[in-house]
Amino acid sequence: MHVLRHLGVLCLLGLPGLPLAQSTQDAPLSVIDWLGEKPRAIPENVTPSKPAETAVATSALPPVVTVTPLTEGSPRAIGLVPASVTGLPQDIWQGSETATITRLIETLPDLHLPAARSLLYTLLLAEATAPQATAKQGDLLALTRVKALMETGALDPALSLIEQAGVATSPDHFGLWMQISLLLGIEDRGCQLLTQKPYLSSDYGVRILCAARAGQWENAALTLGSAQALELLPAPELALLDRFLNPDLFEGMPPLPAPRKMSPLSFRMFEAIGEPLPTHNLPPAYAVADLRDIAGWKAQLDAAERLTRTGALPDNRFLGIYTAREAAASGGIWDRVEALQRFDTAIGTKSVEAIDKTLRPAWRAMQEAELEVTFASLYAEALQRVALDGASAVLRDRILLLSPLYESVASGDALNAELAFMMVIAQGETPTAIPDMPHAAGIASAFTNPTPRVALINAAQNGQLGAAILNTIALLEEGARGDTAALRDALSTLRALGLEDVARRASLQALLLERG
C-alpha cells in the first residue's frame, strides 16, 4: 500500500515514527479533548510485588565511585501530553534556537483549517525539552507556549502548563500565571503566593488587589495613594482601582469607559465593581469568563461558538451549552441553536425520516458558525449508521469526510465525481481525475507528484522537527488562503514528515470548508 511505501520514506529520512492515519475504530482524540478525559481507575485487589532483597556484598573492597560533573540548570521536559499520545519525540526543539522557535510561534497567522490548529495545539502541549539543554531556554520557551495557548482562549491547558513550568520561577512566570488566574477568576491563589514571596511582582495594580483580597485595606489604600502621587500606573487603571477600594465615593457616578488596551486585571476589576464588560470585541481569552454559570445563556452561546472555532473548547462541552435549554428568541444564534437541537433530538429517536428532515438545516447552521468539523465529530458515528439516500446521503458522506471517521467513507460507493476524488484522498491514494473544486489541483499534486520543501525536511533531519512543523503550518495556511503551490508543498511536507493523518484531514477540510 501507499502508506507502507511512505513508511519507507520515513526510515530513509531517519525521522521518528509519527502517527499516520488512524483506523476508524480507534479514532484519536484531539489534545484538548484528551486533557479532559478522566484517568482510568486503579484496579482493586492488586497484590503488590515483593520488593527485591538487599544485595549482599561479595567483597570487602570499596565500591567503584563514578564522578560526573553536574550541569547547572539542566531543564526537564515540559508538556501536558506525553509522546505516547502525540507521537512526537521529546527532542523536537533541540536543534533550534529558542529565539527562532519563539518567532515562529508568535508570527503564525490566524489558522483557518481545524487540522492546522489541532497540529499547533499538539506542538504547544507536547512533552518536550527546550533547545540548548539549559533551564533558561526552557523557561523562555515555556512562556512562549503558554502565551500562544492563552491567545487562543485555551486557558485551562495554559494554566496547567505554566504551573508545571513553575509559577515562582521568575516574575515573568508569576505575572503570566496571575493573568490567566484573573481571567479564570481564581486569583486568590496568586495573591497568597505573592504574600509569601512579594519579590515575584512589582505590579502595583496586582499588589493593591491582593492586599484588598487579604482584608488589608489600609495597605491597599496607601499603595494606591503612592501609585497616584507618583503616576506609577495609567490614569484609567488608577481610576478603576480607586472605585474598587472606595465604592461609596462613586455612588451614582456614570460607568467608567472601557480602556483602549484591556488587561486581565482591568477586566477583573470592572467585574468586581459591578460593571462587567462585553467580551465580543476582546481577544478570545476573555470569552472564557462568559462560560461561567453567572453569565447569561446568550453570552455562553457566543463564547462557546467563538472558543470552539479556535479549538479551545472541547466539542462535548460546546454541545452541552448549545442544548442546555430552549431557544429564547429567533434569528441569528437562536436559529442555529434551534436547528441543532432539532437534529440532536432526531438523532436520539433514530428516526430516518426525522434525521433526513433536520440534517440540512442543522448543517447550514453549523456552516454559518464555521463549526462544521465540530458537528461532524459529534455526530459522525450516529450518521454512519443511518440509511439515507439521494442528496441527504451525499451530504452525510461529506460530513463524515470531515470527521475522524473519514477513512470509512472511502470504503463506500462514490455518489458523484467530487466524492470519488475525496474518497481517494481520504485513503491517501493517487487520484486519477481532478474535479472542478477549489484547491483540488494543488491537493492532487501533493498525492501524485509530492514536492516537500527540502529545507524543511533537512531541518527535521538535523533535530529541528518542531521548527519544521511550525513552518509547515504557516505554509499550509498560505495554501488554504488560495496559494496552490504553497498548499501542494505544505501537504507534501506533512506527508514526508510522517504526519499523514494531518495531511489527509487538511486536504479534505480545504475541499469542503468555505472560508473567506
Protein backbone atom coordinates (compact mmCIF):
# COMPACT_ATOMS: atom_id res chain seq x y z
CA MET A 1 0.00 0.00 0.00
CA HIS A 2 0.95 3.65 -0.37
CA VAL A 3 1.19 4.10 3.44
CA LEU A 4 3.72 1.25 3.66
CA ARG A 5 5.79 2.85 0.92
CA HIS A 6 5.56 6.12 2.86
CA LEU A 7 6.90 4.43 5.98
CA GLY A 8 9.94 3.53 3.92
CA VAL A 9 10.43 7.22 3.18
CA LEU A 10 10.41 7.92 6.93
CA CYS A 11 13.11 5.35 7.50
CA LEU A 12 15.26 6.90 4.79
CA LEU A 13 14.81 10.33 6.36
CA GLY A 14 15.81 8.98 9.76
CA LEU A 15 12.80 10.71 11.38
CA PRO A 16 10.90 9.38 14.38
CA GLY A 17 7.76 7.43 13.59
CA LEU A 18 4.93 9.94 13.89
CA PRO A 19 1.32 8.73 13.88
CA LEU A 20 -0.23 8.10 10.47
CA ALA A 21 -3.95 7.99 9.70
CA GLN A 22 -5.82 6.20 12.45
CA SER A 23 -8.29 3.43 11.84
CA THR A 24 -11.95 4.30 12.12
CA GLN A 25 -12.31 2.01 15.11
CA ASP A 26 -9.59 3.85 17.00
CA ALA A 27 -10.19 7.50 16.20
CA PRO A 28 -7.74 9.79 18.03
CA LEU A 29 -8.77 12.47 20.49
CA SER A 30 -7.51 15.98 20.00
CA VAL A 31 -5.08 17.07 22.69
CA ILE A 32 -7.69 19.44 24.16
CA ASP A 33 -10.25 16.61 24.37
CA TRP A 34 -7.59 14.24 25.71
CA LEU A 35 -6.82 16.62 28.58
CA GLY A 36 -10.48 16.44 29.61
CA GLU A 37 -10.52 12.64 29.86
CA LYS A 38 -10.78 11.19 33.35
CA PRO A 39 -7.88 8.93 34.38
CA ARG A 40 -8.60 5.24 34.46
CA ALA A 41 -9.36 3.84 37.89
CA ILE A 42 -6.69 1.73 39.53
CA PRO A 43 -7.91 -1.87 39.76
CA GLU A 44 -8.68 -3.09 43.26
CA ASN A 45 -7.32 -6.24 44.90
CA VAL A 46 -3.97 -5.88 43.19
CA THR A 47 -1.29 -7.76 45.09
CA PRO A 48 1.85 -5.62 45.34
CA SER A 49 5.03 -7.18 44.06
CA LYS A 50 7.54 -8.33 46.63
CA PRO A 51 10.40 -5.84 46.97
CA ALA A 52 13.80 -7.05 45.89
CA GLU A 53 16.12 -8.14 48.66
CA THR A 54 19.14 -6.02 49.52
CA ALA A 55 22.20 -7.06 47.56
CA VAL A 56 24.82 -8.97 49.54
CA ALA A 57 28.43 -7.82 49.26
CA THR A 58 30.81 -10.33 47.72
CA SER A 59 34.00 -8.40 48.52
CA ALA A 60 35.47 -6.19 51.25
CA LEU A 61 36.86 -3.78 48.67
CA PRO A 62 35.27 -0.31 48.49
CA PRO A 63 32.80 0.18 45.61
CA VAL A 64 33.82 1.97 42.45
CA VAL A 65 32.57 5.56 42.51
CA THR A 66 31.80 7.29 39.22
CA VAL A 67 32.10 11.08 39.29
CA THR A 68 30.01 13.11 36.83
CA PRO A 69 30.01 16.92 36.83
CA LEU A 70 26.56 18.42 37.43
CA THR A 71 25.18 20.62 34.67
CA GLU A 72 23.79 23.68 36.36
CA GLY A 73 20.27 24.49 35.32
CA SER A 74 19.57 21.44 33.18
CA PRO A 75 15.91 21.58 32.14
CA ARG A 76 13.28 18.92 32.40
CA ALA A 77 10.78 18.03 29.74
CA ILE A 78 7.75 20.31 29.98
CA GLY A 79 4.39 19.49 28.46
CA LEU A 80 0.95 18.12 29.27
CA VAL A 81 0.62 15.42 26.63
CA PRO A 82 3.14 12.55 26.56
CA ALA A 83 4.86 11.21 23.47
CA SER A 84 2.66 8.12 23.60
CA VAL A 85 -0.29 10.38 22.68
CA THR A 86 1.32 12.96 20.37
CA GLY A 87 3.79 10.63 18.64
CA LEU A 88 6.34 13.45 18.83
CA PRO A 89 9.77 12.89 20.43
CA GLN A 90 10.85 14.97 23.42
CA ASP A 91 13.75 16.50 21.48
CA ILE A 92 11.63 18.22 18.81
CA TRP A 93 13.20 21.61 19.70
CA GLN A 94 16.77 20.50 20.39
CA GLY A 95 18.41 21.59 17.14
CA SER A 96 16.78 25.03 17.11
CA GLU A 97 17.45 28.37 18.77
CA THR A 98 14.85 29.42 21.33
CA ALA A 99 14.58 32.82 19.65
CA THR A 100 13.75 31.09 16.36
CA ILE A 101 11.02 28.94 17.91
CA THR A 102 9.57 31.96 19.71
CA ARG A 103 9.48 33.98 16.49
CA LEU A 104 7.83 31.15 14.56
CA ILE A 105 5.10 30.74 17.18
CA GLU A 106 4.46 34.46 17.62
CA THR A 107 4.27 35.19 13.87
CA LEU A 108 1.91 32.37 12.93
CA PRO A 109 -1.14 33.75 11.09
CA ASP A 110 -4.72 33.05 12.12
CA LEU A 111 -5.33 29.45 11.11
CA HIS A 112 -8.41 28.66 9.03
CA LEU A 113 -8.14 24.87 8.87
CA PRO A 114 -9.04 22.98 12.07
CA ALA A 115 -6.39 20.38 11.18
CA ALA A 116 -3.71 23.08 11.32
CA ARG A 117 -5.00 24.38 14.66
CA SER A 118 -5.06 20.87 16.09
CA LEU A 119 -1.47 20.28 14.99
CA LEU A 120 -0.41 23.56 16.62
CA TYR A 121 -2.08 22.56 19.90
CA THR A 122 -0.23 19.24 19.73
CA LEU A 123 3.09 21.07 19.42
CA LEU A 124 2.32 23.53 22.21
CA LEU A 125 1.19 20.84 24.65
CA ALA A 126 3.66 18.09 23.73
CA GLU A 127 6.07 16.97 26.43
CA ALA A 128 9.40 18.31 25.17
CA THR A 129 12.79 19.60 26.30
CA ALA A 130 13.87 23.11 25.43
CA PRO A 131 16.69 23.89 22.95
CA GLN A 132 20.34 24.06 24.04
CA ALA A 133 19.51 22.00 27.16
CA THR A 134 19.56 24.90 29.63
CA ALA A 135 16.96 25.87 32.18
CA LYS A 136 16.88 29.48 30.95
CA GLN A 137 15.97 28.38 27.44
CA GLY A 138 13.33 26.08 28.89
CA ASP A 139 11.81 28.98 30.83
CA LEU A 140 11.63 31.20 27.74
CA LEU A 141 10.09 28.52 25.56
CA ALA A 142 7.56 27.56 28.23
CA LEU A 143 6.41 31.18 28.48
CA THR A 144 6.03 31.39 24.70
CA ARG A 145 3.96 28.20 24.60
CA VAL A 146 1.72 29.41 27.43
CA LYS A 147 1.15 32.78 25.76
CA ALA A 148 0.19 31.08 22.49
CA LEU A 149 -2.36 28.90 24.29
CA MET A 150 -3.69 31.91 26.13
CA GLU A 151 -4.19 33.86 22.90
CA THR A 152 -6.48 31.15 21.53
CA GLY A 153 -8.54 31.05 24.72
CA ALA A 154 -7.23 27.67 25.90
CA LEU A 155 -6.83 28.93 29.46
CA ASP A 156 -7.09 25.64 31.34
CA PRO A 157 -4.20 23.99 29.44
CA ALA A 158 -2.25 27.26 29.66
CA LEU A 159 -2.73 27.32 33.43
CA SER A 160 -1.59 23.72 33.79
CA LEU A 161 1.45 24.31 31.62
CA ILE A 162 2.64 27.42 33.49
CA GLU A 163 2.14 25.64 36.81
CA GLN A 164 4.20 22.73 35.55
CA ALA A 165 6.93 25.14 34.47
CA GLY A 166 6.89 26.71 37.96
CA VAL A 167 4.93 29.85 38.78
CA ALA A 168 7.62 31.08 41.18
CA THR A 169 10.45 30.52 38.70
CA SER A 170 10.61 34.21 37.81
CA PRO A 171 8.47 37.36 37.91
CA ASP A 172 7.56 36.68 34.27
CA HIS A 173 6.24 33.23 35.17
CA PHE A 174 4.27 34.61 38.08
CA GLY A 175 2.90 37.51 36.04
CA LEU A 176 1.63 35.22 33.29
CA TRP A 177 0.14 32.82 35.87
CA MET A 178 -1.61 35.75 37.54
CA GLN A 179 -3.06 36.97 34.24
CA ILE A 180 -4.54 33.56 33.50
CA SER A 181 -5.83 33.26 37.07
CA LEU A 182 -7.53 36.65 36.82
CA LEU A 183 -9.29 35.62 33.62
CA LEU A 184 -10.45 32.41 35.27
CA GLY A 185 -11.48 34.18 38.49
CA ILE A 186 -9.09 32.17 40.69
CA GLU A 187 -6.61 34.91 41.56
CA ASP A 188 -6.70 34.23 45.32
CA ARG A 189 -4.03 31.54 44.98
CA GLY A 190 -1.74 34.01 43.26
CA CYS A 191 -2.34 36.56 45.98
CA GLN A 192 -1.45 34.02 48.66
CA LEU A 193 1.82 33.24 46.92
CA LEU A 194 2.59 36.93 46.47
CA THR A 195 2.13 37.46 50.21
CA GLN A 196 4.80 34.83 50.85
CA LYS A 197 7.12 35.98 48.05
CA PRO A 198 6.47 39.70 47.36
CA TYR A 199 9.52 39.91 45.06
CA LEU A 200 7.60 37.98 42.38
CA SER A 201 5.65 41.06 41.24
CA SER A 202 6.26 44.78 41.05
CA ASP A 203 2.82 45.41 39.50
CA TYR A 204 1.14 47.93 41.79
CA GLY A 205 -2.29 47.00 40.50
CA VAL A 206 -1.80 43.36 41.47
CA ARG A 207 -0.41 44.39 44.84
CA ILE A 208 -3.44 46.59 45.55
CA LEU A 209 -5.85 43.85 44.51
CA CYS A 210 -4.13 41.23 46.64
CA ALA A 211 -3.94 43.49 49.68
CA ALA A 212 -7.67 44.15 49.41
CA ARG A 213 -8.40 40.45 48.94
CA ALA A 214 -6.48 39.76 52.15
CA GLY A 215 -8.51 42.40 54.04
CA GLN A 216 -5.52 44.74 54.31
CA TRP A 217 -7.48 47.82 53.24
CA GLU A 218 -5.13 50.37 54.77
CA ASN A 219 -2.15 48.83 52.99
CA ALA A 220 -4.11 48.76 49.72
CA ALA A 221 -5.17 52.41 50.12
CA LEU A 222 -1.61 53.50 50.96
CA THR A 223 -0.24 51.67 47.89
CA LEU A 224 -2.91 53.26 45.69
CA GLY A 225 -2.11 56.71 47.07
CA SER A 226 1.59 56.23 46.28
CA ALA A 227 0.77 55.00 42.78
CA GLN A 228 -1.45 58.04 42.18
CA ALA A 229 1.11 60.52 43.52
CA LEU A 230 3.98 59.06 41.54
CA GLU A 231 1.86 58.19 38.46
CA LEU A 232 3.06 54.61 38.57
CA LEU A 233 0.02 53.31 36.68
CA PRO A 234 -2.01 54.62 33.72
CA ALA A 235 -4.79 57.01 34.71
CA PRO A 236 -7.65 54.68 33.62
CA GLU A 237 -6.26 51.87 35.78
CA LEU A 238 -5.83 54.19 38.76
CA ALA A 239 -9.44 55.36 38.42
CA LEU A 240 -10.61 51.75 38.26
CA LEU A 241 -8.65 50.76 41.37
CA ASP A 242 -9.95 53.84 43.19
CA ARG A 243 -13.55 52.76 42.56
CA PHE A 244 -12.67 49.24 43.66
CA LEU A 245 -11.31 50.43 47.00
CA ASN A 246 -13.77 53.30 47.58
CA PRO A 247 -17.13 52.31 46.08
CA ASP A 248 -19.08 54.67 48.38
CA LEU A 249 -17.32 57.74 46.99
CA PHE A 250 -18.51 56.98 43.46
CA GLU A 251 -22.12 56.06 44.19
CA GLY A 252 -24.31 57.31 41.32
CA MET A 253 -21.38 58.21 39.10
CA PRO A 254 -21.57 57.23 35.42
CA PRO A 255 -19.77 53.99 34.45
CA LEU A 256 -16.11 54.20 33.55
CA PRO A 257 -15.25 53.94 29.85
CA ALA A 258 -13.58 50.74 28.77
CA PRO A 259 -9.81 51.15 28.37
CA ARG A 260 -8.37 51.13 24.87
CA LYS A 261 -5.97 48.39 25.83
CA MET A 262 -7.58 45.79 28.05
CA SER A 263 -5.62 43.81 30.63
CA PRO A 264 -6.78 40.81 32.68
CA LEU A 265 -6.54 42.92 35.84
CA SER A 266 -8.71 45.71 34.42
CA PHE A 267 -11.22 43.20 33.10
CA ARG A 268 -11.49 41.59 36.53
CA MET A 269 -11.75 45.00 38.24
CA PHE A 270 -14.66 46.08 36.06
CA GLU A 271 -16.45 42.91 37.09
CA ALA A 272 -15.58 43.49 40.76
CA ILE A 273 -17.11 46.99 40.78
CA GLY A 274 -20.30 45.71 39.16
CA GLU A 275 -19.60 46.96 35.64
CA PRO A 276 -18.72 43.77 33.68
CA LEU A 277 -17.62 44.36 30.10
CA PRO A 278 -18.82 42.51 27.00
CA THR A 279 -16.19 40.19 25.55
CA HIS A 280 -17.12 40.02 21.86
CA ASN A 281 -14.61 42.76 20.92
CA LEU A 282 -11.87 41.40 23.19
CA PRO A 283 -9.34 38.60 22.47
CA PRO A 284 -10.65 35.01 22.83
CA ALA A 285 -9.10 34.56 26.29
CA TYR A 286 -11.64 37.00 27.75
CA ALA A 287 -14.56 34.99 26.33
CA VAL A 288 -13.81 32.20 28.81
CA ALA A 289 -15.39 34.35 31.52
CA ASP A 290 -18.73 34.06 29.70
CA LEU A 291 -18.74 30.27 30.04
CA ARG A 292 -19.50 30.55 33.75
CA ASP A 293 -22.99 29.95 35.08
CA ILE A 294 -23.24 33.56 36.26
CA ALA A 295 -23.24 34.70 32.62
CA GLY A 296 -26.45 34.75 30.61
CA TRP A 297 -27.11 31.88 28.22
CA LYS A 298 -26.73 34.15 25.16
CA ALA A 299 -23.26 35.15 26.34
CA GLN A 300 -22.42 31.50 27.00
CA LEU A 301 -23.55 30.54 23.49
CA ASP A 302 -21.50 33.30 21.85
CA ALA A 303 -18.44 32.32 23.86
CA ALA A 304 -18.93 28.62 23.13
CA GLU A 305 -19.06 29.23 19.38
CA ARG A 306 -16.05 31.51 19.45
CA LEU A 307 -13.86 29.25 21.56
CA THR A 308 -14.89 26.13 19.65
CA ARG A 309 -13.80 27.84 16.43
CA THR A 310 -10.33 28.41 17.89
CA GLY A 311 -10.19 24.80 19.07
CA ALA A 312 -10.01 25.83 22.74
CA LEU A 313 -13.35 24.28 23.81
CA PRO A 314 -13.96 20.50 23.65
CA ASP A 315 -16.77 19.51 21.29
CA ASN A 316 -18.86 17.84 24.01
CA ARG A 317 -18.81 20.95 26.17
CA PHE A 318 -19.95 23.02 23.20
CA LEU A 319 -22.85 20.64 22.66
CA GLY A 320 -23.75 20.77 26.35
CA ILE A 321 -24.03 24.57 26.27
CA TYR A 322 -25.91 24.54 22.96
CA THR A 323 -28.53 22.11 24.22
CA ALA A 324 -28.84 23.41 27.80
CA ARG A 325 -32.28 24.99 27.28
CA GLU A 326 -34.75 26.02 24.60
CA ALA A 327 -34.07 28.97 22.32
CA ALA A 328 -35.37 32.17 23.88
CA ALA A 329 -35.89 34.13 20.66
CA SER A 330 -35.43 33.87 16.90
CA GLY A 331 -32.85 34.97 14.39
CA GLY A 332 -29.07 34.70 14.45
CA ILE A 333 -27.66 32.36 17.02
CA TRP A 334 -31.13 31.36 18.24
CA ASP A 335 -31.96 29.86 14.84
CA ARG A 336 -28.71 27.92 14.95
CA VAL A 337 -29.49 26.62 18.43
CA GLU A 338 -32.97 25.51 17.37
CA ALA A 339 -31.69 23.79 14.21
CA LEU A 340 -29.02 21.85 16.08
CA GLN A 341 -31.37 20.90 18.90
CA ARG A 342 -33.94 19.53 16.44
CA PHE A 343 -31.27 17.45 14.74
CA ASP A 344 -29.91 16.25 18.08
CA THR A 345 -33.42 15.13 19.05
CA ALA A 346 -33.84 13.36 15.69
CA ILE A 347 -30.56 11.51 16.21
CA GLY A 348 -31.78 10.44 19.62
CA THR A 349 -35.00 9.00 18.19
CA LYS A 350 -33.08 7.20 15.39
CA SER A 351 -35.89 8.09 13.01
CA VAL A 352 -34.56 8.13 9.45
CA GLU A 353 -37.34 10.49 8.38
CA ALA A 354 -36.63 12.94 11.22
CA ILE A 355 -32.89 12.84 10.60
CA ASP A 356 -33.38 13.40 6.87
CA LYS A 357 -35.64 16.39 7.62
CA THR A 358 -33.38 18.08 10.16
CA LEU A 359 -29.90 17.30 8.79
CA ARG A 360 -29.67 20.02 6.17
CA PRO A 361 -30.91 22.92 8.38
CA ALA A 362 -28.51 21.86 11.13
CA TRP A 363 -25.64 21.68 8.66
CA ARG A 364 -26.40 25.14 7.27
CA ALA A 365 -26.45 26.48 10.84
CA MET A 366 -23.04 25.00 11.57
CA GLN A 367 -21.67 26.35 8.29
CA GLU A 368 -22.85 29.80 9.32
CA ALA A 369 -20.99 29.45 12.63
CA GLU A 370 -17.95 27.82 10.93
CA LEU A 371 -18.31 24.79 13.19
CA GLU A 372 -18.64 22.09 10.53
CA VAL A 373 -15.79 19.94 11.84
CA THR A 374 -17.21 20.05 15.37
CA PHE A 375 -20.61 18.98 14.07
CA ALA A 376 -19.01 16.16 12.08
CA SER A 377 -17.01 14.93 15.07
CA LEU A 378 -20.08 14.94 17.31
CA TYR A 379 -22.46 13.11 15.00
CA ALA A 380 -20.32 11.09 12.57
CA GLU A 381 -20.74 7.79 14.37
CA ALA A 382 -24.53 8.13 14.55
CA LEU A 383 -24.84 9.32 10.94
CA GLN A 384 -22.74 6.43 9.71
CA ARG A 385 -25.47 4.03 10.82
CA VAL A 386 -28.35 5.91 9.14
CA ALA A 387 -29.59 4.65 5.76
CA LEU A 388 -30.08 7.91 3.86
CA ASP A 389 -30.39 8.29 0.10
CA GLY A 390 -30.19 10.95 -2.57
CA ALA A 391 -28.96 14.42 -1.61
CA SER A 392 -29.08 13.55 2.09
CA ALA A 393 -26.71 10.62 1.53
CA VAL A 394 -24.29 12.88 -0.34
CA LEU A 395 -24.38 15.42 2.49
CA ARG A 396 -23.88 12.69 5.08
CA ASP A 397 -20.77 11.44 3.27
CA ARG A 398 -19.35 14.95 3.03
CA ILE A 399 -19.91 15.40 6.77
CA LEU A 400 -18.24 12.07 7.53
CA LEU A 401 -15.22 13.10 5.47
CA LEU A 402 -14.70 15.98 7.92
CA SER A 403 -14.77 13.65 10.92
CA PRO A 404 -12.20 11.27 12.42
CA LEU A 405 -14.09 8.51 10.58
CA TYR A 406 -13.11 9.88 7.16
CA GLU A 407 -11.46 6.64 6.06
CA SER A 408 -14.70 4.71 6.49
CA VAL A 409 -16.37 6.82 3.79
CA ALA A 410 -13.65 5.87 1.34
CA SER A 411 -14.73 2.23 1.51
CA GLY A 412 -18.21 3.04 0.16
CA ASP A 413 -19.56 3.88 -3.30
CA ALA A 414 -18.99 7.38 -4.62
CA LEU A 415 -22.24 9.14 -5.49
CA ASN A 416 -20.55 11.80 -7.66
CA ALA A 417 -17.16 12.82 -9.06
CA GLU A 418 -16.36 15.13 -6.15
CA LEU A 419 -16.96 12.41 -3.57
CA ALA A 420 -14.93 9.96 -5.65
CA PHE A 421 -11.96 12.34 -5.62
CA MET A 422 -12.23 12.97 -1.87
CA MET A 423 -12.51 9.25 -1.14
CA VAL A 424 -9.20 8.67 -2.92
CA ILE A 425 -7.58 11.45 -0.87
CA ALA A 426 -9.06 10.00 2.32
CA GLN A 427 -7.24 6.73 1.58
CA GLY A 428 -4.00 8.52 0.79
CA GLU A 429 -4.00 7.13 -2.74
CA THR A 430 -3.19 8.77 -6.08
CA PRO A 431 -6.20 10.43 -7.74
CA THR A 432 -6.72 9.77 -11.44
CA ALA A 433 -9.29 12.50 -12.10
CA ILE A 434 -9.50 16.04 -10.74
CA PRO A 435 -12.99 17.54 -10.25
CA ASP A 436 -13.85 21.21 -10.55
CA MET A 437 -13.38 22.06 -6.87
CA PRO A 438 -11.38 24.80 -5.12
CA HIS A 439 -7.87 23.59 -4.18
CA ALA A 440 -8.38 20.24 -5.97
CA ALA A 441 -5.43 20.68 -8.36
CA GLY A 442 -2.96 21.53 -5.61
CA ILE A 443 -4.15 18.71 -3.39
CA ALA A 444 -3.98 16.20 -6.23
CA SER A 445 -0.38 17.24 -6.94
CA ALA A 446 0.60 16.52 -3.33
CA PHE A 447 -0.54 12.91 -3.79
CA THR A 448 0.60 12.35 -7.39
CA ASN A 449 3.86 14.34 -7.59
CA PRO A 450 4.72 15.34 -4.00
CA THR A 451 7.09 18.28 -3.63
CA PRO A 452 8.12 18.54 0.03
CA ARG A 453 10.21 21.58 0.90
CA VAL A 454 13.78 20.35 1.01
CA ALA A 455 14.84 22.94 3.60
CA LEU A 456 12.14 21.78 6.00
CA ILE A 457 12.98 18.11 5.54
CA ASN A 458 16.66 18.86 6.14
CA ALA A 459 15.76 20.83 9.26
CA ALA A 460 13.78 17.89 10.60
CA GLN A 461 16.70 15.56 9.90
CA ASN A 462 19.01 17.91 11.82
CA GLY A 463 16.98 17.88 15.04
CA GLN A 464 14.71 20.80 14.19
CA LEU A 465 11.48 18.84 13.79
CA GLY A 466 9.40 21.30 15.82
CA ALA A 467 10.59 24.26 13.76
CA ALA A 468 9.94 22.33 10.55
CA ILE A 469 6.36 21.61 11.61
CA LEU A 470 5.74 25.25 12.60
CA ASN A 471 6.98 26.42 9.20
CA THR A 472 4.79 23.83 7.51
CA ILE A 473 1.73 25.04 9.44
CA ALA A 474 2.39 28.59 8.20
CA LEU A 475 2.83 27.26 4.66
CA LEU A 476 -0.42 25.31 4.94
CA GLU A 477 -2.27 28.48 5.91
CA GLU A 478 -0.90 30.21 2.80
CA GLY A 479 -2.27 27.36 0.76
CA ALA A 480 -5.67 27.47 2.45
CA ARG A 481 -5.89 31.16 1.51
CA GLY A 482 -5.53 30.32 -2.19
CA ASP A 483 -1.84 29.74 -2.96
CA THR A 484 -1.95 26.44 -4.88
CA ALA A 485 1.82 25.91 -4.86
CA ALA A 486 2.03 26.54 -1.11
CA LEU A 487 -0.83 24.09 -0.47
CA ARG A 488 0.84 21.41 -2.58
CA ASP A 489 4.19 21.88 -0.86
CA ALA A 490 2.67 22.02 2.64
CA LEU A 491 0.72 18.79 2.18
CA SER A 492 3.72 17.11 0.59
CA THR A 493 5.91 18.17 3.51
CA LEU A 494 3.41 16.95 6.09
CA ARG A 495 3.35 13.54 4.42
CA ALA A 496 7.15 13.42 4.22
CA LEU A 497 7.35 14.25 7.94
CA GLY A 498 5.05 11.36 8.75
CA LEU A 499 2.01 13.50 9.53
CA GLU A 500 -0.19 11.60 7.11
CA ASP A 501 -3.39 11.94 9.11
CA VAL A 502 -2.94 15.71 9.32
CA ALA A 503 -2.24 15.93 5.59
CA ARG A 504 -5.35 13.99 4.64
CA ARG A 505 -7.65 15.83 7.04
CA ALA A 506 -6.25 19.21 5.96
CA SER A 507 -6.84 18.24 2.33
CA LEU A 508 -10.45 17.26 2.96
CA GLN A 509 -11.09 20.39 5.01
CA ALA A 510 -9.63 22.61 2.29
CA LEU A 511 -12.01 20.95 -0.20
CA LEU A 512 -15.14 21.00 1.96
CA LEU A 513 -14.95 24.12 4.13
CA GLU A 514 -15.90 27.50 2.76
CA ARG A 515 -13.67 30.09 4.38
CA GLY A 516 -13.29 33.72 3.38
